[in-house]
N, C-alpha and C. Protein backbone atom coordinates (compact mmCIF):
# COMPACT_ATOMS: atom_id res chain seq x y z
N UNK A 1 197.94 125.10 60.94
CA UNK A 1 196.61 124.52 61.03
C UNK A 1 196.70 123.04 61.37
N UNK A 2 195.87 122.61 62.31
CA UNK A 2 195.86 121.20 62.70
C UNK A 2 195.23 120.36 61.59
N UNK A 3 195.85 119.23 61.38
CA UNK A 3 195.25 118.31 60.41
C UNK A 3 194.18 117.48 61.12
N UNK A 4 193.08 117.27 60.43
CA UNK A 4 191.98 116.51 61.02
C UNK A 4 192.43 115.07 61.27
N UNK A 5 191.90 114.51 62.32
CA UNK A 5 192.14 113.11 62.65
C UNK A 5 191.12 112.26 61.91
N UNK A 6 191.55 111.14 61.37
CA UNK A 6 190.62 110.28 60.65
C UNK A 6 190.22 109.11 61.55
N UNK A 7 188.92 108.81 61.51
CA UNK A 7 188.37 107.70 62.29
C UNK A 7 187.58 106.78 61.37
N UNK A 8 187.49 105.53 61.76
CA UNK A 8 186.56 104.60 61.15
C UNK A 8 185.60 104.16 62.25
N UNK A 9 184.32 104.19 61.93
CA UNK A 9 183.32 103.72 62.87
C UNK A 9 182.60 102.56 62.20
N UNK A 10 182.61 101.42 62.86
CA UNK A 10 181.89 100.25 62.37
C UNK A 10 180.80 99.95 63.37
N UNK A 11 179.58 99.87 62.89
CA UNK A 11 178.52 99.49 63.82
C UNK A 11 177.60 98.46 63.20
N UNK A 12 176.96 97.69 64.08
CA UNK A 12 176.09 96.59 63.66
C UNK A 12 174.65 96.98 63.97
N UNK A 13 173.84 97.01 62.91
CA UNK A 13 172.43 97.37 63.02
C UNK A 13 171.62 96.09 63.10
N UNK A 14 170.58 96.10 63.94
CA UNK A 14 169.76 94.88 64.05
C UNK A 14 169.12 94.58 62.69
N UNK A 15 169.05 93.31 62.34
CA UNK A 15 168.69 92.92 60.98
C UNK A 15 167.20 93.00 60.65
N UNK A 16 166.34 93.15 61.64
CA UNK A 16 164.91 93.11 61.36
C UNK A 16 164.26 94.49 61.19
N UNK A 17 165.09 95.52 61.03
CA UNK A 17 164.55 96.86 60.77
C UNK A 17 164.08 96.95 59.32
N UNK A 18 163.07 97.78 59.07
CA UNK A 18 162.68 98.04 57.69
C UNK A 18 163.81 98.84 57.04
N UNK A 19 163.88 98.79 55.73
CA UNK A 19 164.93 99.53 55.03
C UNK A 19 164.81 101.03 55.32
N UNK A 20 163.57 101.51 55.36
CA UNK A 20 163.34 102.94 55.63
C UNK A 20 163.83 103.32 57.03
N UNK A 21 163.52 102.51 58.02
CA UNK A 21 163.95 102.78 59.39
C UNK A 21 165.48 102.73 59.51
N UNK A 22 166.09 101.78 58.77
CA UNK A 22 167.55 101.67 58.79
C UNK A 22 168.18 102.91 58.18
N UNK A 23 167.62 103.39 57.06
CA UNK A 23 168.15 104.59 56.42
C UNK A 23 168.03 105.81 57.34
N UNK A 24 166.91 105.90 58.07
CA UNK A 24 166.73 107.00 59.03
C UNK A 24 167.75 106.93 60.14
N UNK A 25 168.02 105.73 60.64
CA UNK A 25 169.01 105.54 61.70
C UNK A 25 170.39 105.97 61.21
N UNK A 26 170.78 105.54 60.02
CA UNK A 26 172.08 105.89 59.45
C UNK A 26 172.18 107.40 59.26
N UNK A 27 171.14 108.01 58.71
CA UNK A 27 171.14 109.47 58.51
C UNK A 27 171.26 110.21 59.83
N UNK A 28 170.55 109.72 60.85
CA UNK A 28 170.58 110.37 62.17
C UNK A 28 171.98 110.30 62.77
N UNK A 29 172.63 109.14 62.66
CA UNK A 29 173.97 109.01 63.25
C UNK A 29 175.04 109.73 62.42
N UNK A 30 174.87 109.80 61.10
CA UNK A 30 175.77 110.63 60.28
C UNK A 30 175.61 112.10 60.69
N UNK A 31 174.38 112.51 60.93
CA UNK A 31 174.07 113.90 61.31
C UNK A 31 174.68 114.26 62.66
N UNK A 32 174.69 113.32 63.60
CA UNK A 32 175.30 113.55 64.91
C UNK A 32 176.76 113.96 64.72
N UNK A 33 177.44 113.28 63.81
CA UNK A 33 178.85 113.59 63.55
C UNK A 33 179.01 114.96 62.91
N UNK A 34 178.21 115.24 61.87
CA UNK A 34 178.37 116.52 61.15
C UNK A 34 177.91 117.70 62.00
N UNK A 35 176.91 117.51 62.86
CA UNK A 35 176.46 118.59 63.74
C UNK A 35 177.55 119.05 64.69
N UNK A 36 178.46 118.14 65.02
CA UNK A 36 179.55 118.47 65.96
C UNK A 36 180.84 118.84 65.21
N UNK A 37 180.73 119.07 63.90
CA UNK A 37 181.87 119.59 63.15
C UNK A 37 182.73 118.54 62.46
N UNK A 38 182.34 117.30 62.51
CA UNK A 38 183.11 116.26 61.83
C UNK A 38 182.65 116.16 60.37
N UNK A 39 183.55 115.67 59.53
CA UNK A 39 183.22 115.48 58.12
C UNK A 39 183.06 113.99 57.84
N UNK A 40 181.88 113.59 57.38
CA UNK A 40 181.65 112.19 57.01
C UNK A 40 182.16 112.01 55.58
N UNK A 41 183.27 111.30 55.44
CA UNK A 41 183.88 111.07 54.13
C UNK A 41 183.11 109.99 53.38
N UNK A 42 182.72 108.94 54.11
CA UNK A 42 182.00 107.84 53.48
C UNK A 42 181.13 107.18 54.54
N UNK A 43 179.93 106.79 54.14
CA UNK A 43 179.02 106.08 55.03
C UNK A 43 178.32 105.03 54.18
N UNK A 44 178.64 103.76 54.44
CA UNK A 44 178.11 102.72 53.55
C UNK A 44 177.82 101.43 54.30
N UNK A 45 176.81 100.72 53.82
CA UNK A 45 176.55 99.38 54.33
C UNK A 45 177.69 98.50 53.84
N UNK A 46 178.17 97.67 54.72
CA UNK A 46 179.27 96.79 54.37
C UNK A 46 178.71 95.43 53.99
N UNK A 47 178.01 94.80 54.92
CA UNK A 47 177.44 93.49 54.62
C UNK A 47 176.50 93.06 55.73
N UNK A 48 175.62 92.15 55.39
CA UNK A 48 174.80 91.50 56.42
C UNK A 48 175.54 90.22 56.74
N UNK A 49 175.93 90.04 57.99
CA UNK A 49 176.76 88.90 58.36
C UNK A 49 176.20 88.17 59.56
N UNK A 50 176.53 86.93 59.63
CA UNK A 50 176.22 86.12 60.80
C UNK A 50 177.17 86.56 61.91
N UNK A 51 176.64 86.74 63.10
CA UNK A 51 177.46 87.17 64.23
C UNK A 51 178.20 85.98 64.83
N UNK A 52 179.35 86.23 65.40
CA UNK A 52 180.14 85.17 66.03
C UNK A 52 179.39 84.59 67.24
N UNK A 53 178.62 85.44 67.89
CA UNK A 53 177.80 85.00 69.02
C UNK A 53 176.52 85.83 69.02
N UNK A 54 175.52 85.32 69.68
CA UNK A 54 174.22 85.99 69.70
C UNK A 54 174.30 87.28 70.52
N UNK A 55 173.72 88.35 69.99
CA UNK A 55 173.63 89.63 70.70
C UNK A 55 172.16 90.01 70.76
N UNK A 56 171.63 90.16 71.96
CA UNK A 56 170.21 90.54 72.14
C UNK A 56 169.28 89.66 71.32
N UNK A 57 169.51 88.38 71.31
CA UNK A 57 168.70 87.40 70.58
C UNK A 57 168.87 87.45 69.06
N UNK A 58 169.81 88.23 68.56
CA UNK A 58 170.06 88.28 67.12
C UNK A 58 171.26 87.43 66.77
N UNK A 59 171.14 86.70 65.66
CA UNK A 59 172.24 85.85 65.20
C UNK A 59 172.96 86.46 64.00
N UNK A 60 172.41 87.54 63.44
CA UNK A 60 173.08 88.24 62.35
C UNK A 60 172.81 89.73 62.49
N UNK A 61 173.59 90.52 61.77
CA UNK A 61 173.43 91.96 61.83
C UNK A 61 173.92 92.61 60.55
N UNK A 62 173.52 93.86 60.35
CA UNK A 62 173.95 94.62 59.17
C UNK A 62 175.12 95.50 59.60
N UNK A 63 176.26 95.24 59.02
CA UNK A 63 177.46 96.02 59.34
C UNK A 63 177.46 97.30 58.51
N UNK A 64 177.69 98.43 59.17
CA UNK A 64 177.74 99.72 58.48
C UNK A 64 179.06 100.40 58.85
N UNK A 65 179.74 100.94 57.84
CA UNK A 65 181.06 101.52 58.03
C UNK A 65 181.04 103.00 57.67
N UNK A 66 181.59 103.82 58.56
CA UNK A 66 181.69 105.27 58.32
C UNK A 66 183.16 105.67 58.42
N UNK A 67 183.61 106.47 57.48
CA UNK A 67 184.94 107.09 57.56
C UNK A 67 184.71 108.56 57.88
N UNK A 68 185.41 109.07 58.88
CA UNK A 68 185.17 110.42 59.40
C UNK A 68 186.48 111.18 59.54
N UNK A 69 186.48 112.46 59.15
CA UNK A 69 187.57 113.37 59.49
C UNK A 69 187.05 114.30 60.58
N UNK A 70 187.81 114.45 61.66
CA UNK A 70 187.35 115.28 62.77
C UNK A 70 188.49 116.14 63.31
N UNK A 71 188.22 117.44 63.48
CA UNK A 71 189.21 118.34 64.09
C UNK A 71 189.25 118.16 65.60
N UNK A 72 188.12 117.72 66.17
CA UNK A 72 188.08 117.41 67.60
C UNK A 72 187.21 116.17 67.78
N UNK A 73 187.18 115.67 69.00
CA UNK A 73 186.50 114.39 69.24
C UNK A 73 185.03 114.58 69.66
N UNK A 74 184.50 115.79 69.58
CA UNK A 74 183.13 116.04 70.05
C UNK A 74 182.11 115.14 69.36
N UNK A 75 182.17 115.08 68.03
CA UNK A 75 181.22 114.27 67.28
C UNK A 75 181.41 112.78 67.55
N UNK A 76 182.65 112.37 67.65
CA UNK A 76 182.97 110.96 67.91
C UNK A 76 182.44 110.57 69.29
N UNK A 77 182.67 111.42 70.28
CA UNK A 77 182.21 111.13 71.65
C UNK A 77 180.69 111.09 71.72
N UNK A 78 180.03 111.99 71.01
CA UNK A 78 178.57 112.02 71.02
C UNK A 78 178.02 110.78 70.31
N UNK A 79 178.63 110.40 69.20
CA UNK A 79 178.23 109.18 68.49
C UNK A 79 178.35 107.98 69.44
N UNK A 80 179.49 107.89 70.10
CA UNK A 80 179.76 106.79 71.02
C UNK A 80 178.69 106.73 72.12
N UNK A 81 178.39 107.88 72.71
CA UNK A 81 177.42 107.95 73.80
C UNK A 81 176.04 107.50 73.34
N UNK A 82 175.59 108.02 72.19
CA UNK A 82 174.25 107.70 71.70
C UNK A 82 174.14 106.28 71.15
N UNK A 83 175.22 105.78 70.57
CA UNK A 83 175.20 104.41 70.04
C UNK A 83 175.07 103.38 71.17
N UNK A 84 175.64 103.72 72.34
CA UNK A 84 175.56 102.80 73.49
C UNK A 84 174.12 102.61 73.96
N UNK A 85 173.30 103.66 73.83
CA UNK A 85 171.94 103.58 74.38
C UNK A 85 170.88 103.34 73.31
N UNK A 86 171.30 103.21 72.06
CA UNK A 86 170.34 102.98 70.98
C UNK A 86 170.10 101.49 70.80
N UNK A 87 168.85 101.07 70.89
CA UNK A 87 168.51 99.64 70.80
C UNK A 87 168.69 99.08 69.39
N UNK A 88 168.73 99.94 68.37
CA UNK A 88 168.87 99.47 66.99
C UNK A 88 170.32 99.15 66.63
N UNK A 89 171.25 99.67 67.42
CA UNK A 89 172.68 99.41 67.20
C UNK A 89 173.12 98.36 68.21
N UNK A 90 173.46 97.17 67.68
CA UNK A 90 173.82 96.05 68.56
C UNK A 90 175.21 96.24 69.16
N UNK A 91 176.16 96.66 68.35
CA UNK A 91 177.54 96.91 68.79
C UNK A 91 178.12 98.00 67.90
N UNK A 92 179.13 98.69 68.43
CA UNK A 92 179.86 99.64 67.59
C UNK A 92 181.32 99.69 68.04
N UNK A 93 182.16 100.11 67.12
CA UNK A 93 183.58 100.21 67.40
C UNK A 93 184.11 101.44 66.66
N UNK A 94 184.86 102.25 67.38
CA UNK A 94 185.45 103.46 66.80
C UNK A 94 186.97 103.27 66.80
N UNK A 95 187.56 103.44 65.64
CA UNK A 95 188.99 103.26 65.49
C UNK A 95 189.63 104.55 64.96
N UNK A 96 190.66 105.00 65.62
CA UNK A 96 191.41 106.17 65.15
C UNK A 96 192.46 105.66 64.16
N UNK A 97 192.47 106.27 62.96
CA UNK A 97 193.42 105.87 61.92
C UNK A 97 194.70 106.67 62.10
N UNK A 98 195.77 105.97 62.36
CA UNK A 98 197.07 106.63 62.57
C UNK A 98 197.76 106.80 61.22
N UNK A 99 198.44 107.94 61.07
CA UNK A 99 199.20 108.20 59.83
C UNK A 99 200.42 107.31 59.73
């Protein structure tokens, strides 16, 4: 049996969203991963931080971190695709955790 690959996804949410809208966004993106067969091990807000440079007129953002186990990259690829076109996500980074 193949061992699942572990990923970390860090994304920056625009800071002016309501808490309810932010929670919906997080739930929707967690769901994208689980719908494609990935297991979300942890999904948590990390911190609201000042950005090193302005992104889309924002000087700060809410960093959110997800740890994911995935047997294939379908969920990761779909997350990546949708995060690129979502206006509420300023930036995202997907890192494969090597054993």
